[in-house]
C-alpha atoms as a PDB file:
ATOM      1  CA  MET A   1      -7.573 -42.506  -6.858  1.00  0.00           C
ATOM      2  CA  GLU A   2      -9.552 -40.295  -4.511  1.00  0.00           C
ATOM      3  CA  GLU A   3      -7.719 -39.414  -1.324  1.00  0.00           C
ATOM      4  CA  ALA A   4      -9.298 -40.267   1.995  1.00  0.00           C
ATOM      5  CA  PRO A   5     -10.557 -37.263   3.904  1.00  0.00           C
ATOM      6  CA  GLU A   6      -8.385 -36.055   6.744  1.00  0.00           C
ATOM      7  CA  ASP A   7      -9.328 -37.136  10.262  1.00  0.00           C
ATOM      8  CA  ARG A   8     -10.456 -33.975  11.979  1.00  0.00           C
ATOM      9  CA  PRO A   9     -11.964 -33.664  15.457  1.00  0.00           C
ATOM     10  CA  THR A  10     -15.716 -33.115  15.351  1.00  0.00           C
ATOM     11  CA  PRO A  11     -16.620 -29.776  16.931  1.00  0.00           C
ATOM     12  CA  ARG A  12     -18.790 -29.979  20.067  1.00  0.00           C
ATOM     13  CA  ARG A  13     -22.288 -28.599  19.818  1.00  0.00           C
ATOM     14  CA  ARG A  14     -23.103 -25.574  21.908  1.00  0.00           C
ATOM     15  CA  GLY A  15     -26.103 -27.006  23.723  1.00  0.00           C
ATOM     16  CA  ARG A  16     -27.800 -26.446  27.083  1.00  0.00           C
ATOM     17  CA  THR A  17     -24.589 -27.089  29.069  1.00  0.00           C
ATOM     18  CA  ALA A  18     -22.744 -24.265  27.323  1.00  0.00           C
ATOM     19  CA  LEU A  19     -25.653 -21.881  27.913  1.00  0.00           C
ATOM     20  CA  LEU A  20     -25.798 -22.796  31.584  1.00  0.00           C
ATOM     21  CA  ILE A  21     -22.066 -22.174  31.990  1.00  0.00           C
ATOM     22  CA  ALA A  22     -22.377 -18.802  30.253  1.00  0.00           C
ATOM     23  CA  GLY A  23     -25.313 -17.899  32.532  1.00  0.00           C
ATOM     24  CA  ALA A  24     -23.387 -18.943  35.620  1.00  0.00           C
ATOM     25  CA  ALA A  25     -20.444 -16.789  34.594  1.00  0.00           C
ATOM     26  CA  ALA A  26     -22.715 -13.789  34.122  1.00  0.00           C
ATOM     27  CA  LEU A  27     -24.372 -14.346  37.488  1.00  0.00           C
ATOM     28  CA  GLY A  28     -20.943 -14.636  39.093  1.00  0.00           C
ATOM     29  CA  VAL A  29     -19.958 -11.213  37.786  1.00  0.00           C
ATOM     30  CA  ILE A  30     -23.225  -9.629  38.975  1.00  0.00           C
ATOM     31  CA  ALA A  31     -23.079 -11.300  42.381  1.00  0.00           C
ATOM     32  CA  GLY A  32     -19.465 -10.282  42.877  1.00  0.00           C
ATOM     33  CA  THR A  33     -20.283  -6.677  41.999  1.00  0.00           C
ATOM     34  CA  CYS A  34     -23.166  -6.526  44.489  1.00  0.00           C
ATOM     35  CA  THR A  35     -21.013  -8.027  47.237  1.00  0.00           C
ATOM     36  CA  GLY A  36     -18.330  -5.451  46.538  1.00  0.00           C
ATOM     37  CA  TYR A  37     -20.846  -2.602  46.903  1.00  0.00           C
ATOM     38  CA  LEU A  38     -22.054  -3.995  50.219  1.00  0.00           C
ATOM     39  CA  ILE A  39     -18.527  -4.264  51.610  1.00  0.00           C
ATOM     40  CA  GLN A  40     -17.560  -0.793  50.401  1.00  0.00           C
ATOM     41  CA  ALA A  41     -20.712   0.731  51.993  1.00  0.00           C
ATOM     42  CA  ASP A  42     -19.443  -0.174  55.478  1.00  0.00           C
ATOM     43  CA  ARG A  43     -16.011   1.428  54.943  1.00  0.00           C
ATOM     44  CA  PRO A  44     -15.047   5.093  55.421  1.00  0.00           C
ATOM     45  CA  PRO A  45     -14.603   7.016  52.151  1.00  0.00           C
ATOM     46  CA  THR A  46     -11.129   6.915  50.613  1.00  0.00           C
ATOM     47  CA  PRO A  47      -9.662  10.432  50.185  1.00  0.00           C
ATOM     48  CA  LEU A  48      -8.942  11.462  46.584  1.00  0.00           C
ATOM     49  CA  PRO A  49      -5.405  12.415  45.516  1.00  0.00           C
ATOM     50  CA  PRO A  50      -4.707  16.153  45.185  1.00  0.00           C
ATOM     51  CA  LEU A  51      -5.385  17.675  41.797  1.00  0.00           C
ATOM     52  CA  SER A  52      -2.255  19.788  41.744  1.00  0.00           C
ATOM     53  CA  GLN A  53       0.874  18.195  40.286  1.00  0.00           C
ATOM     54  CA  PRO A  54       4.513  19.310  40.517  1.00  0.00           C
ATOM     55  CA  VAL A  55       5.523  21.832  37.874  1.00  0.00           C
ATOM     56  CA  LEU A  56       8.037  20.511  35.358  1.00  0.00           C
ATOM     57  CA  GLY A  57      10.877  22.825  34.444  1.00  0.00           C
ATOM     58  CA  ARG A  58      11.412  23.768  30.814  1.00  0.00           C
ATOM     59  CA  ALA A  59      14.424  22.397  29.013  1.00  0.00           C
ATOM     60  CA  LYS A  60      17.201  24.886  28.379  1.00  0.00           C
ATOM     61  CA  GLY A  61      19.265  25.437  25.289  1.00  0.00           C
ATOM     62  CA  PRO A  62      18.411  26.154  21.629  1.00  0.00           C
ATOM     63  CA  ALA A  63      15.663  24.184  19.894  1.00  0.00           C
ATOM     64  CA  PRO A  64      16.731  21.747  17.152  1.00  0.00           C
ATOM     65  CA  GLU A  65      16.854  23.186  13.666  1.00  0.00           C
ATOM     66  CA  PRO A  66      13.917  22.166  11.433  1.00  0.00           C
ATOM     67  CA  LEU A  67      14.633  19.734   8.630  1.00  0.00           C
ATOM     68  CA  SER A  68      15.496  21.261   5.298  1.00  0.00           C
ATOM     69  CA  ALA A  69      13.306  20.624   2.256  1.00  0.00           C
ATOM     70  CA  ALA A  70      15.924  18.182   0.994  1.00  0.00           C
ATOM     71  CA  GLN A  71      15.724  16.157   4.237  1.00  0.00           C
ATOM     72  CA  ASP A  72      11.992  16.380   4.937  1.00  0.00           C
ATOM     73  CA  ARG A  73      10.234  13.717   2.845  1.00  0.00           C
ATOM     74  CA  LYS A  74       6.856  15.271   3.648  1.00  0.00           C
ATOM     75  CA  VAL A  75       7.830  18.432   1.781  1.00  0.00           C
ATOM     76  CA  LYS A  76       8.635  16.370  -1.294  1.00  0.00           C
ATOM     77  CA  ALA A  77       5.476  14.263  -1.063  1.00  0.00           C
ATOM     78  CA  ASP A  78       3.183  17.299  -0.782  1.00  0.00           C
ATOM     79  CA  GLY A  79       4.846  19.180  -3.617  1.00  0.00           C
ATOM     80  CA  ASP A  80       4.635  18.693  -7.375  1.00  0.00           C
ATOM     81  CA  LEU A  81       4.871  14.918  -7.862  1.00  0.00           C
ATOM     82  CA  ARG A  82       5.735  15.423 -11.530  1.00  0.00           C
ATOM     83  CA  LYS A  83       9.107  16.836 -10.474  1.00  0.00           C
ATOM     84  CA  LEU A  84       9.906  13.530  -8.745  1.00  0.00           C
ATOM     85  CA  LEU A  85       9.387  11.440 -11.880  1.00  0.00           C
ATOM     86  CA  LEU A  86      12.416  10.128 -13.731  1.00  0.00           C
ATOM     87  CA  LYS A  87      13.437  12.114 -16.784  1.00  0.00           C
ATOM     88  CA  LYS A  88      13.564  10.377 -20.146  1.00  0.00           C
ATOM     89  CA  PRO A  89      17.009   9.141 -21.235  1.00  0.00           C
ATOM     90  CA  ALA A  90      18.915  10.682 -24.106  1.00  0.00           C
ATOM     91  CA  GLY A  91      17.538   9.603 -27.460  1.00  0.00           C
ATOM     92  CA  ALA A  92      14.037   8.850 -26.102  1.00  0.00           C
ATOM     93  CA  ARG A  93      10.988  11.025 -26.718  1.00  0.00           C
ATOM     94  CA  TYR A  94       7.930  11.770 -24.612  1.00  0.00           C
ATOM     95  CA  VAL A  95       4.633  10.607 -26.105  1.00  0.00           C
ATOM     96  CA  ASP A  96       1.445  12.637 -26.219  1.00  0.00           C
ATOM     97  CA  TRP A  97      -0.979   9.771 -25.655  1.00  0.00           C
ATOM     98  CA  ALA A  98      -0.367   9.347 -21.924  1.00  0.00           C
ATOM     99  CA  PRO A  99      -3.600   9.066 -19.906  1.00  0.00           C
ATOM    100  CA  GLY A 100      -4.650  12.098 -17.875  1.00  0.00           C
ATOM    101  CA  GLU A 101      -3.756  15.692 -18.601  1.00  0.00           C
ATOM    102  CA  ASP A 102      -0.499  17.640 -18.294  1.00  0.00           C
ATOM    103  CA  GLY A 103       1.210  14.791 -16.449  1.00  0.00           C
ATOM    104  CA  TRP A 104      -1.590  14.371 -13.876  1.00  0.00           C
ATOM    105  CA  MET A 105      -4.144  11.569 -13.494  1.00  0.00           C
ATOM    106  CA  ASP A 106      -7.267  12.379 -11.522  1.00  0.00           C
ATOM    107  CA  ILE A 107      -9.329   9.560 -10.059  1.00  0.00           C
ATOM    108  CA  ALA A 108     -11.439   9.161 -13.206  1.00  0.00           C
ATOM    109  CA  ALA A 109      -8.390   8.976 -15.499  1.00  0.00           C
ATOM    110  CA  TYR A 110      -6.671   6.479 -13.217  1.00  0.00           C
ATOM    111  CA  ALA A 111      -9.788   4.295 -12.907  1.00  0.00           C
ATOM    112  CA  ASP A 112     -10.118   4.308 -16.690  1.00  0.00           C
ATOM    113  CA  THR A 113      -6.844   2.361 -16.997  1.00  0.00           C
ATOM    114  CA  TYR A 114      -8.558  -0.704 -15.439  1.00  0.00           C
ATOM    115  CA  ASP A 115     -10.688  -3.292 -17.242  1.00  0.00           C
ATOM    116  CA  ASP A 116     -13.642  -2.306 -15.045  1.00  0.00           C
ATOM    117  CA  PRO A 117     -13.412   1.498 -14.646  1.00  0.00           C
ATOM    118  CA  ALA A 118     -16.642   1.821 -12.639  1.00  0.00           C
ATOM    119  CA  GLY A 119     -15.612  -0.823 -10.132  1.00  0.00           C
ATOM    120  CA  ALA A 120     -12.083   0.572  -9.957  1.00  0.00           C
ATOM    121  CA  PHE A 121     -13.481   4.061  -9.307  1.00  0.00           C
ATOM    122  CA  ASP A 122     -15.439   2.812  -6.285  1.00  0.00           C
ATOM    123  CA  GLU A 123     -12.385   0.971  -4.972  1.00  0.00           C
ATOM    124  CA  LEU A 124     -10.178   4.041  -5.373  1.00  0.00           C
ATOM    125  CA  VAL A 125     -12.665   6.181  -3.449  1.00  0.00           C
ATOM    126  CA  ALA A 126     -12.635   3.631  -0.617  1.00  0.00           C
ATOM    127  CA  ASP A 127      -8.817   3.496  -0.782  1.00  0.00           C
ATOM    128  CA  GLU A 128      -8.576   7.290  -0.303  1.00  0.00           C
ATOM    129  CA  TYR A 129      -7.032   8.023  -3.680  1.00  0.00           C
ATOM    130  CA  ARG A 130      -5.492  11.499  -3.734  1.00  0.00           C
ATOM    131  CA  ARG A 131      -3.680  12.031  -7.052  1.00  0.00           C
ATOM    132  CA  ALA A 132      -1.172  10.515  -9.476  1.00  0.00           C
ATOM    133  CA  ALA A 133       1.608  11.823 -11.703  1.00  0.00           C
ATOM    134  CA  ILE A 134       2.626  10.032 -14.887  1.00  0.00           C
ATOM    135  CA  THR A 135       5.404  10.100 -17.471  1.00  0.00           C
ATOM    136  CA  LEU A 136       5.592   8.076 -20.675  1.00  0.00           C
ATOM    137  CA  TRP A 137       8.385   7.843 -23.227  1.00  0.00           C
ATOM    138  CA  GLU A 138       9.519   5.775 -26.208  1.00  0.00           C
ATOM    139  CA  ALA A 139      13.036   4.678 -27.125  1.00  0.00           C
ATOM    140  CA  GLY A 140      12.952   2.663 -30.331  1.00  0.00           C
ATOM    141  CA  ASP A 141      10.502  -0.213 -29.781  1.00  0.00           C
ATOM    142  CA  GLN A 142      10.658   0.139 -25.997  1.00  0.00           C
ATOM    143  CA  VAL A 143       7.938   2.055 -24.135  1.00  0.00           C
ATOM    144  CA  VAL A 144       8.345   3.076 -20.481  1.00  0.00           C
ATOM    145  CA  GLU A 145       5.494   4.304 -18.295  1.00  0.00           C
ATOM    146  CA  ILE A 146       6.014   5.457 -14.688  1.00  0.00           C
ATOM    147  CA  ARG A 147       3.260   6.443 -12.277  1.00  0.00           C
ATOM    148  CA  LEU A 148       3.503   7.908  -8.786  1.00  0.00           C
ATOM    149  CA  VAL A 149       0.157   7.291  -7.089  1.00  0.00           C
ATOM    150  CA  GLN A 150      -0.562   9.056  -3.791  1.00  0.00           C
ATOM    151  CA  PHE A 151      -3.188   8.168  -1.184  1.00  0.00           C
ATOM    152  CA  ARG A 152      -4.484  10.185   1.771  1.00  0.00           C
ATOM    153  CA  GLN A 153      -3.994   7.243   4.158  1.00  0.00           C
ATOM    154  CA  GLU A 154      -6.251   8.620   6.863  1.00  0.00           C
ATOM    155  CA  GLN A 155      -7.793   5.200   7.579  1.00  0.00           C
ATOM    156  CA  HIS A 156      -5.520   2.677   5.822  1.00  0.00           C
ATOM    157  CA  VAL A 157      -1.895   2.262   4.763  1.00  0.00           C
ATOM    158  CA  THR A 158      -3.167   1.897   1.213  1.00  0.00           C
ATOM    159  CA  ALA A 159       0.104   2.298  -0.684  1.00  0.00           C
ATOM    160  CA  ALA A 160       1.822  -0.656   1.013  1.00  0.00           C
ATOM    161  CA  GLU A 161      -1.331  -2.796   0.935  1.00  0.00           C
ATOM    162  CA  THR A 162      -1.874  -2.150  -2.780  1.00  0.00           C
ATOM    163  CA  VAL A 163       1.734  -3.039  -3.587  1.00  0.00           C
ATOM    164  CA  GLU A 164       1.399  -6.322  -1.712  1.00  0.00           C
ATOM    165  CA  ASP A 165      -1.947  -7.219  -3.307  1.00  0.00           C
ATOM    166  CA  SER A 166      -0.668  -6.382  -6.808  1.00  0.00           C
ATOM    167  CA  ARG A 167       2.518  -8.366  -6.255  1.00  0.00           C
ATOM    168  CA  LEU A 168       0.625 -11.486  -5.208  1.00  0.00           C
ATOM    169  CA  TRP A 169      -1.890 -11.093  -8.031  1.00  0.00           C
ATOM    170  CA  ALA A 170       0.819 -10.763 -10.693  1.00  0.00           C
ATOM    171  CA  ARG A 171       2.675 -13.757  -9.291  1.00  0.00           C
ATOM    172  CA  ASP A 172      -0.433 -15.955  -9.343  1.00  0.00           C
ATOM    173  CA  GLU A 173      -1.931 -14.803 -12.655  1.00  0.00           C
ATOM    174  CA  TYR A 174       1.128 -14.650 -14.922  1.00  0.00           C
ATOM    175  CA  GLU A 175       4.311 -16.536 -15.671  1.00  0.00           C
ATOM    176  CA  ALA A 176       6.949 -14.115 -14.459  1.00  0.00           C
ATOM    177  CA  ASP A 177      10.382 -13.947 -12.914  1.00  0.00           C
ATOM    178  CA  SER A 178      10.473 -11.637  -9.907  1.00  0.00           C
ATOM    179  CA  TRP A 179      13.093 -10.049  -7.660  1.00  0.00           C
ATOM    180  CA  PRO A 180      12.809  -7.934  -4.499  1.00  0.00           C
ATOM    181  CA  ILE A 181      13.756  -4.283  -4.922  1.00  0.00           C
ATOM    182  CA  PRO A 182      16.450  -3.490  -2.316  1.00  0.00           C
ATOM    183  CA  GLY A 183      15.411  -1.331   0.624  1.00  0.00           C
ATOM    184  CA  THR A 184      11.669  -1.438  -0.073  1.00  0.00           C
ATOM    185  CA  GLY A 185      10.231  -4.203   2.085  1.00  0.00           C
ATOM    186  CA  ASN A 186       7.748  -5.733  -0.355  1.00  0.00           C
ATOM    187  CA  GLY A 187       8.810  -3.872  -3.517  1.00  0.00           C
ATOM    188  CA  THR A 188       9.083  -6.226  -6.490  1.00  0.00           C
ATOM    189  CA  ALA A 189      10.367  -6.130 -10.063  1.00  0.00           C
ATOM    190  CA  LEU A 190       8.920  -8.604 -12.562  1.00  0.00           C
ATOM    191  CA  THR A 191       9.661  -9.680 -16.123  1.00  0.00           C
ATOM    192  CA  PHE A 192       6.938 -11.656 -17.877  1.00  0.00           C
ATOM    193  CA  THR A 193       8.259 -14.634 -19.770  1.00  0.00           C
ATOM    194  CA  ARG A 194       5.528 -14.984 -22.398  1.00  0.00           C
ATOM    195  CA  PRO A 195       4.939 -12.284 -25.019  1.00  0.00           C
ATOM    196  CA  GLU A 196       1.556 -10.624 -25.400  1.00  0.00           C
ATOM    197  CA  LYS A 197      -0.138 -11.301 -28.740  1.00  0.00           C
ATOM    198  CA  GLU A 198      -2.886  -9.121 -30.194  1.00  0.00           C
ATOM    199  CA  PRO A 199      -4.365  -9.370 -33.692  1.00  0.00           C
ATOM    200  CA  GLY A 200      -2.742  -6.877 -36.052  1.00  0.00           C
ATOM    201  CA  TYR A 201       0.192  -6.133 -33.737  1.00  0.00           C
ATOM    202  CA  GLU A 202       3.663  -7.551 -33.353  1.00  0.00           C
ATOM    203  CA  PRO A 203       4.084  -9.663 -30.182  1.00  0.00           C
ATOM    204  CA  TYR A 204       5.624  -7.728 -27.321  1.00  0.00           C
ATOM    205  CA  TYR A 205       7.159  -8.488 -23.925  1.00  0.00           C
ATOM    206  CA  ARG A 206       6.395  -6.770 -20.648  1.00  0.00           C
ATOM    207  CA  ALA A 207       8.043  -5.975 -17.318  1.00  0.00           C
ATOM    208  CA  SER A 208       6.776  -4.097 -14.300  1.00  0.00           C
ATOM    209  CA  ALA A 209       7.806  -2.879 -10.864  1.00  0.00           C
ATOM    210  CA  LEU A 210       5.861  -2.007  -7.724  1.00  0.00           C
ATOM    211  CA  ALA A 211       7.067  -0.340  -4.544  1.00  0.00           C
ATOM    212  CA  CYS A 212       6.082   2.430  -2.139  1.00  0.00           C
ATOM    213  CA  ARG A 213       7.560   5.244  -0.089  1.00  0.00           C
ATOM    214  CA  GLY A 214       5.172   6.372   2.635  1.00  0.00           C
ATOM    215  CA  ASP A 215       1.865   7.326   1.014  1.00  0.00           C
ATOM    216  CA  ILE A 216       3.205   7.152  -2.571  1.00  0.00           C
ATOM    217  CA  MET A 217       3.050   3.997  -4.673  1.00  0.00           C
ATOM    218  CA  MET A 218       5.445   3.637  -7.587  1.00  0.00           C
ATOM    219  CA  GLN A 219       4.320   1.738 -10.674  1.00  0.00           C
ATOM    220  CA  ILE A 220       6.610   1.102 -13.660  1.00  0.00           C
ATOM    221  CA  PHE A 221       5.518  -0.617 -16.874  1.00  0.00           C
ATOM    222  CA  VAL A 222       7.899  -1.472 -19.713  1.00  0.00           C
ATOM    223  CA  SER A 223       7.065  -3.076 -23.054  1.00  0.00           C
ATOM    224  CA  ASP A 224       9.362  -4.074 -25.905  1.00  0.00           C
ATOM    225  CA  THR A 225       9.421  -6.317 -28.962  1.00  0.00           C
ATOM    226  CA  LYS A 226      12.221  -8.345 -27.347  1.00  0.00           C
ATOM    227  CA  PRO A 227      12.510  -9.797 -23.826  1.00  0.00           C
ATOM    228  CA  ILE A 228      13.219  -7.201 -21.123  1.00  0.00           C
ATOM    229  CA  SER A 229      16.166  -7.874 -18.855  1.00  0.00           C
ATOM    230  CA  LYS A 230      16.204  -7.826 -15.071  1.00  0.00           C
ATOM    231  CA  LYS A 231      18.828  -5.062 -15.241  1.00  0.00           C
ATOM    232  CA  THR A 232      16.504  -2.790 -17.229  1.00  0.00           C
ATOM    233  CA  ILE A 233      13.514  -2.959 -14.882  1.00  0.00           C
ATOM    234  CA  MET A 234      15.637  -2.985 -11.727  1.00  0.00           C
ATOM    235  CA  ASP A 235      17.671   0.035 -12.817  1.00  0.00           C
ATOM    236  CA  LEU A 236      14.508   2.039 -13.521  1.00  0.00           C
ATOM    237  CA  SER A 237      13.066   1.007 -10.151  1.00  0.00           C
ATOM    238  CA  VAL A 238      16.098   1.911  -8.073  1.00  0.00           C
ATOM    239  CA  ARG A 239      16.635   5.276  -9.777  1.00  0.00           C
ATOM    240  CA  GLN A 240      12.968   6.244  -9.446  1.00  0.00           C
ATOM    241  CA  LEU A 241      12.876   5.309  -5.758  1.00  0.00           C
ATOM    242  CA  GLU A 242      15.999   7.360  -5.128  1.00  0.00           C
ATOM    243  CA  ARG A 243      14.074  10.426  -6.310  1.00  0.00           C
ATOM    244  CA  LEU A 244      11.430   9.739  -3.661  1.00  0.00           C
END
């Protein structure tokens, strides 16, 4: 049965009455301005305040000590991002088929990880992409990929916006369980309930995590031949964020 349309008020048309009111308002502003000039012309000039201002005394005492490199997040963020990536656990091995070169992903390498590399490239340019560091390791059938993606953020807070957009997209497009990552605002860890199936390959399960610290976005991707637990993806997320 088709539902009846909602009763909504019909918007009023902007006809001659609205134009007349707008014209009257404009004339009122002009007329008021002219009247003000006429009144001011008959008054003596108002003296201007003196340009000199009282001199403020300098504070006394020693200046505060600058933050150390361990305390200043900016020093970390502008350094070698590869040093901030989690190290592989014991028994795992790094793989040599990670995208990019020597642990770095330039804008072309990062765009190439999308289904539409050309469109992604244009979006990344607009989003002020700066650089990305990547690590990739295998432990049995489990594969872990971590990316730290940095943006210039001169015009937009791209890292936080990208995390939010990706979180909503993953929630709407896939069947997944999700949990907020503590202390991150909109950081989210997800485990996908249905396995991926590709011809010629064994079905595999996926999990991912998204969060940001300042101008750096963290992305974690995990795949395995068996379902991935919340503990696994959350533990990786928390430990990687601690390094940021």
